Amino acid sequence: MPITTSSLKDSARVYHTGDDAHIALLYDAVVRELEERTGWCLDVVTRTQYVLEQPYGVAKLVRLERQPVTVCTCTNSLQQVVGLGLVTINGIQYADLDVPNLKYPLILTMTCGDATVNPMLGMAVRARVTQLNAARGDDTVPLRSDYWDNICAMVGKGIG
């Protein structure tokens, strides 16, 4: 958990320990929402991605659906695990599939996430937790469904 419960509580202006479990649950929901909407992983996780056919062009690059990726591997036709090179273009990471003995379709296994958080992304996560916390109870407020779309538009295609 790169963003601590105490910093989430400070942002939401919660000064007691009675809502700690609720704040932690909201954080987990926001992290999941962030990953599903943008592909960005805050916590270190392992994800897979299916590649149907070999990419076309001189550089055999495939865009990774989860960001940031620290390690990307696949199994070649000889049943050996092969480490793939990572290429970053405009803040988006790609896997270099220019490796011999690859048989398509492929399943890429990626280790995603990072212990450090982009300050703007951290602020957006804290603001979303605050919104969700304020939306509970008797005085509910409608939550916008395009929250992460607006964050991506502000930050750019590559959140990192």
Foldseek 3Di string as FASTA:
>chain_A
DLDDLVVLCVLLVNDDCPCSVVLVVLLVVLQVVLCVVQQEHADWDKDKDKAADFDDDDFRKDFDSHPDFDWKWWAFQVRDIDTFDWDADPQTIITGPPDPRHDPGIMMMTTHHDSDDDVLVVVLSSVSSSLVVQQDDDPHDDDDPCSSVVSCVVCDSNVD
